[in-house]
Amino acid sequence: MNKRVAFLGPSGTFSEEAANRYDQLATLQPFPTIQGVALAVTSGITDEGIIPIENSLEGSVNDTLDILIQQPKLFIRQELVIDIEHCLLVIPETTVSDIELIYSHPQAIAQCRGFIERCFPNAQMIASLSTSAAVLDMKQSGSPSAAIAPKRSASLHQVQVIAEGIQDIDTNMTRFVVLSTSDHEVTGDDKTSLCFSFNQDKPGLLHEVMGEFLQRNINMAKVESRPSKQFLGDYIFLIDIEGHRTDPAVKEALTQLDKQTSMLRVFGSYPRWK
């Protein structure tokens, strides 16, 4: 039986492209929000879900980080990276000089900000739930509009591509993660993602935690922080490290972290993308 895989829809999004690359035999099910994809996995509607977690131009996708922090039943099982090429789409016969509104997902708008400011300085940006949903929003708009979306969305929704590759930097890539109710077994070339926080604030706390990895020669691939949403100045730290959570050195480091932090959550271990 084929896997059921949720993705951020509707059809035509980069998330759908990532899902197809991940498993061409899977039964794909679109959901309108990242939160909806996560709920589909935790509720058993689908076996797995694919959502964006990081873009090379705009950084982390905060909705995804917040879901991982807040949902203890969700784990990262895989990761994959795809190149992102944004296009400007319009309804056929639209006069380019008349465009007043440009629809897209906030991340896509940010990735094309230079193009927008240069070519459409007076246009209003309108946020959509996804790049493909932006095309539907554009078609339903009563004003001359455009949408930033993948090229495939043009054929799916019978609209016209008037500009390709409009992202500000050509090397625009997005990292996606596969969500599941369990992470991946050891492969020998793995990555582990985790988060932690402290219930006190004193000099050297973060340094001590980092030292647990350093003294065990564990490389940290990524470090960032997110507001805890409890009160101002309180943060949750997120780290990607090389190695599987069951590797002796990693397991030992995580045991020490659990003693030094007020909250530790391991999002999962999974094969590194190559």
Protein backbone atom coordinates (compact mmCIF):
# COMPACT_ATOMS: atom_id res chain seq x y z
CA MET A 1 0.00 0.00 0.00
CA ASN A 2 1.36 3.41 -0.97
CA LYS A 3 2.15 6.00 1.67
CA ARG A 4 -0.25 8.84 2.27
CA VAL A 5 1.75 12.07 2.32
CA ALA A 6 0.35 15.49 3.22
CA PHE A 7 1.78 18.65 1.68
CA LEU A 8 1.13 22.39 1.76
CA GLY A 9 -1.33 22.83 -1.08
CA PRO A 10 -3.12 23.32 -3.31
CA SER A 11 -1.50 21.51 -6.23
CA GLY A 12 1.30 23.43 -7.87
CA THR A 13 3.27 24.43 -4.77
CA PHE A 14 6.94 23.79 -4.19
CA SER A 15 5.83 21.56 -1.32
CA GLU A 16 4.04 19.33 -3.82
CA GLU A 17 7.20 19.22 -5.93
CA ALA A 18 9.18 18.21 -2.84
CA ALA A 19 6.62 15.53 -2.01
CA ASN A 20 6.84 14.09 -5.53
CA ARG A 21 10.62 13.99 -5.34
CA TYR A 22 10.49 12.33 -1.93
CA ASP A 23 8.14 9.51 -2.98
CA GLN A 24 6.79 9.31 -6.52
CA LEU A 25 4.49 6.42 -5.56
CA ALA A 26 2.89 8.16 -2.58
CA THR A 27 -0.73 9.25 -2.48
CA LEU A 28 -0.44 13.01 -2.02
CA GLN A 29 -3.02 14.99 -0.06
CA PRO A 30 -2.96 18.81 -0.05
CA PHE A 31 -3.72 20.87 3.05
CA PRO A 32 -4.12 24.67 3.11
CA THR A 33 -1.72 25.42 5.98
CA ILE A 34 1.47 24.10 7.56
CA GLN A 35 -0.55 23.51 10.74
CA GLY A 36 -3.01 21.44 8.70
CA VAL A 37 -0.22 19.24 7.36
CA ALA A 38 1.04 18.63 10.91
CA LEU A 39 -2.45 17.78 12.17
CA ALA A 40 -2.96 15.34 9.29
CA VAL A 41 0.10 13.40 10.49
CA THR A 42 -0.68 13.43 14.23
CA SER A 43 -4.31 12.45 13.63
CA GLY A 44 -3.41 9.58 11.29
CA ILE A 45 -5.11 11.05 8.23
CA THR A 46 -1.77 10.68 6.47
CA ASP A 47 1.36 8.67 7.23
CA GLU A 48 3.74 11.58 6.70
CA GLY A 49 3.76 15.25 5.79
CA ILE A 50 6.19 17.53 3.97
CA ILE A 51 6.64 21.17 4.96
CA PRO A 52 9.31 23.84 4.35
CA ILE A 53 11.64 24.57 7.25
CA GLU A 54 14.39 26.80 5.85
CA ASN A 55 15.14 28.96 2.82
CA SER A 56 18.61 30.02 1.72
CA LEU A 57 17.50 33.66 1.29
CA GLU A 58 14.97 34.23 4.06
CA GLY A 59 16.05 31.76 6.73
CA SER A 60 13.79 29.61 8.85
CA VAL A 61 10.06 29.12 8.38
CA ASN A 62 8.79 30.12 11.81
CA ASP A 63 5.46 28.27 11.57
CA THR A 64 7.35 25.02 11.07
CA LEU A 65 9.71 25.66 13.98
CA ASP A 66 6.80 26.49 16.27
CA ILE A 67 4.98 23.28 15.31
CA LEU A 68 8.05 21.17 16.03
CA ILE A 69 8.48 22.86 19.42
CA GLN A 70 4.82 22.50 20.37
CA GLN A 71 3.97 19.05 19.00
CA PRO A 72 5.76 16.27 20.93
CA LYS A 73 4.15 13.58 18.76
CA LEU A 74 5.80 14.88 15.58
CA PHE A 75 9.30 13.95 14.46
CA ILE A 76 11.54 14.75 11.50
CA ARG A 77 12.07 11.58 9.48
CA GLN A 78 13.81 12.93 6.37
CA GLU A 79 15.00 16.16 4.78
CA LEU A 80 15.35 17.23 1.18
CA VAL A 81 16.42 20.39 -0.62
CA ILE A 82 15.06 21.73 -3.90
CA ASP A 83 15.95 24.72 -6.07
CA ILE A 84 13.33 27.46 -6.05
CA GLU A 85 12.50 29.45 -9.17
CA HIS A 86 9.71 31.98 -8.81
CA CYS A 87 7.63 33.22 -11.74
CA LEU A 88 5.23 36.11 -12.15
CA LEU A 89 1.83 34.92 -13.35
CA VAL A 90 -1.15 36.89 -14.63
CA ILE A 91 -4.56 36.25 -16.12
CA PRO A 92 -4.22 36.26 -19.94
CA GLU A 93 -4.56 39.69 -21.55
CA THR A 94 -3.66 41.50 -18.32
CA THR A 95 -1.84 44.75 -19.01
CA VAL A 96 1.38 44.63 -17.02
CA SER A 97 1.44 48.39 -16.37
CA ASP A 98 -2.03 48.14 -14.78
CA ILE A 99 -1.07 45.59 -12.09
CA GLU A 100 -2.11 46.91 -8.68
CA LEU A 101 -1.89 43.81 -6.48
CA ILE A 102 0.66 40.98 -6.24
CA TYR A 103 -0.32 37.83 -4.35
CA SER A 104 1.99 35.20 -2.89
CA HIS A 105 3.14 33.43 0.24
CA PRO A 106 5.09 35.85 2.51
CA GLN A 107 8.32 33.86 2.04
CA ALA A 108 8.03 34.10 -1.76
CA ILE A 109 7.32 37.83 -1.60
CA ALA A 110 10.41 38.33 0.55
CA GLN A 111 12.55 36.25 -1.82
CA CYS A 112 11.50 38.46 -4.77
CA ARG A 113 11.52 41.82 -3.01
CA GLY A 114 14.17 43.36 -5.27
CA PHE A 115 12.27 42.43 -8.44
CA ILE A 116 9.01 43.78 -7.01
CA GLU A 117 10.50 47.09 -5.90
CA ARG A 118 12.25 47.52 -9.23
CA CYS A 119 9.38 46.58 -11.56
CA PHE A 120 6.23 47.18 -9.49
CA PRO A 121 7.11 49.86 -6.91
CA ASN A 122 3.49 50.93 -6.46
CA ALA A 123 1.87 47.51 -6.30
CA GLN A 124 0.37 46.27 -3.04
CA MET A 125 1.64 42.93 -1.70
CA ILE A 126 -1.09 40.53 -0.53
CA ALA A 127 -0.19 37.45 1.55
CA SER A 128 -1.63 34.08 0.50
CA LEU A 129 -1.54 30.73 2.28
CA SER A 130 0.79 29.27 -0.39
CA THR A 131 2.29 30.19 -3.75
CA SER A 132 -0.28 28.10 -5.60
CA ALA A 133 -3.15 29.52 -3.52
CA ALA A 134 -1.88 32.93 -4.62
CA VAL A 135 -2.84 32.10 -8.20
CA LEU A 136 -6.41 31.34 -7.11
CA ASP A 137 -6.50 34.56 -5.07
CA MET A 138 -5.30 36.47 -8.12
CA LYS A 139 -8.00 34.95 -10.34
CA GLN A 140 -10.68 35.92 -7.83
CA SER A 141 -9.41 39.47 -7.41
CA GLY A 142 -11.48 42.25 -8.85
CA SER A 143 -8.40 44.37 -9.57
CA PRO A 144 -5.54 43.97 -12.09
CA SER A 145 -3.33 41.48 -10.28
CA ALA A 146 -0.37 39.13 -10.52
CA ALA A 147 0.87 36.16 -8.50
CA ILE A 148 4.33 34.90 -7.59
CA ALA A 149 4.24 31.14 -7.97
CA PRO A 150 5.98 28.10 -9.53
CA LYS A 151 5.82 27.81 -13.30
CA ARG A 152 3.72 24.64 -13.02
CA SER A 153 0.91 26.64 -11.42
CA ALA A 154 0.39 28.47 -14.72
CA SER A 155 -0.62 25.31 -16.58
CA LEU A 156 -2.68 24.01 -13.65
CA HIS A 157 -4.73 27.20 -13.42
CA GLN A 158 -4.71 28.35 -17.06
CA VAL A 159 -2.83 31.59 -16.48
CA GLN A 160 0.15 33.20 -18.20
CA VAL A 161 3.80 33.40 -17.16
CA ILE A 162 5.18 36.88 -17.88
CA ALA A 163 8.51 36.61 -16.04
CA GLU A 164 10.66 33.68 -14.87
CA GLY A 165 13.42 33.46 -12.29
CA ILE A 166 12.36 36.62 -10.47
CA GLN A 167 13.93 35.65 -7.12
CA ASP A 168 16.59 38.09 -5.97
CA ILE A 169 19.38 35.47 -5.98
CA ASP A 170 19.68 32.60 -8.44
CA THR A 171 20.93 30.13 -5.84
CA ASN A 172 17.58 30.11 -4.06
CA MET A 173 16.97 26.81 -2.27
CA THR A 174 14.44 25.59 0.26
CA ARG A 175 14.95 22.78 2.72
CA PHE A 176 11.90 20.63 3.43
CA VAL A 177 11.37 18.13 6.23
CA VAL A 178 9.28 14.99 6.26
CA LEU A 179 7.14 14.81 9.40
CA SER A 180 6.15 11.49 10.90
CA THR A 181 5.26 9.95 14.25
CA SER A 182 8.78 8.49 14.45
CA ASP A 183 12.20 9.49 13.21
CA HIS A 184 14.65 7.54 11.01
CA GLU A 185 16.85 4.62 11.95
CA VAL A 186 20.63 5.01 11.92
CA THR A 187 22.24 5.30 8.46
CA GLY A 188 25.78 6.29 9.42
CA ASP A 189 25.44 9.77 7.92
CA ASP A 190 22.79 11.42 10.04
CA LYS A 191 21.68 14.71 11.50
CA THR A 192 19.76 15.37 14.72
CA SER A 193 17.57 18.41 15.36
CA LEU A 194 16.62 19.54 18.86
CA CYS A 195 15.54 22.47 20.98
CA PHE A 196 16.03 23.48 24.60
CA SER A 197 15.42 26.34 27.00
CA PHE A 198 16.49 27.51 30.46
CA ASN A 199 14.34 28.53 33.43
CA GLN A 200 17.01 30.94 34.63
CA ASP A 201 19.27 33.54 33.04
CA LYS A 202 22.91 33.69 34.04
CA PRO A 203 26.23 34.10 32.22
CA GLY A 204 27.63 31.00 30.54
CA LEU A 205 24.51 28.82 30.35
CA LEU A 206 24.53 28.55 26.58
CA HIS A 207 28.31 28.21 26.52
CA GLU A 208 28.09 25.21 28.88
CA VAL A 209 25.57 23.49 26.62
CA MET A 210 27.66 24.11 23.52
CA GLY A 211 30.63 22.71 25.39
CA GLU A 212 28.90 19.33 25.71
CA PHE A 213 29.06 18.99 21.93
CA LEU A 214 32.55 20.44 21.62
CA GLN A 215 34.19 18.08 24.09
CA ARG A 216 32.66 15.11 22.24
CA ASN A 217 33.72 16.43 18.82
CA ILE A 218 30.10 16.76 17.66
CA ASN A 219 29.71 19.35 14.92
CA MET A 220 26.84 21.83 15.19
CA ALA A 221 25.41 22.50 11.73
CA LYS A 222 22.93 25.20 12.76
CA VAL A 223 22.10 27.32 15.82
CA GLU A 224 19.20 29.77 16.21
CA SER A 225 16.60 30.94 18.69
CA ARG A 226 12.86 31.59 18.83
CA PRO A 227 10.81 33.51 21.39
CA SER A 228 9.24 31.12 23.89
CA LYS A 229 5.99 33.12 23.67
CA GLN A 230 5.85 33.04 27.46
CA PHE A 231 7.28 36.48 28.17
CA LEU A 232 9.62 39.02 26.61
CA GLY A 233 13.28 38.03 26.59
CA ASP A 234 12.63 34.30 27.08
CA TYR A 235 13.98 32.18 24.22
CA ILE A 236 14.07 28.62 22.96
CA PHE A 237 17.31 27.56 21.28
CA LEU A 238 17.26 25.28 18.25
CA ILE A 239 20.28 23.28 17.11
CA ASP A 240 21.11 20.84 14.32
CA ILE A 241 24.03 18.54 15.07
CA GLU A 242 25.79 15.87 13.06
CA GLY A 243 25.14 12.30 14.20
CA HIS A 244 22.19 10.15 15.27
CA ARG A 245 20.57 10.47 18.68
CA THR A 246 21.50 6.84 19.40
CA ASP A 247 25.21 7.35 18.62
CA PRO A 248 27.11 6.96 21.93
CA ALA A 249 28.63 10.47 21.88
CA VAL A 250 25.36 12.16 20.87
CA LYS A 251 23.36 10.13 23.39
CA GLU A 252 25.79 11.11 26.14
CA ALA A 253 25.65 14.80 25.18
CA LEU A 254 21.84 14.78 25.16
CA THR A 255 21.81 13.19 28.61
CA GLN A 256 23.94 16.06 29.92
CA LEU A 257 21.75 18.65 28.17
CA ASP A 258 18.69 17.20 29.87
CA LYS A 259 20.34 17.94 33.23
CA GLN A 260 21.39 21.48 32.31
CA THR A 261 18.20 22.74 30.67
CA SER A 262 14.63 23.21 31.84
CA MET A 263 13.21 21.81 28.59
CA LEU A 264 14.81 19.53 26.00
CA ARG A 265 13.02 18.19 22.96
CA VAL A 266 14.65 16.11 20.24
CA PHE A 267 12.82 16.65 16.95
CA GLY A 268 14.40 13.55 15.47
CA SER A 269 17.40 12.01 13.75
CA TYR A 270 17.40 11.52 9.99
CA PRO A 271 19.75 11.06 7.00
CA ARG A 272 21.65 14.16 5.94
CA TRP A 273 20.66 15.52 2.55
CA LYS A 274 23.36 15.10 -0.10
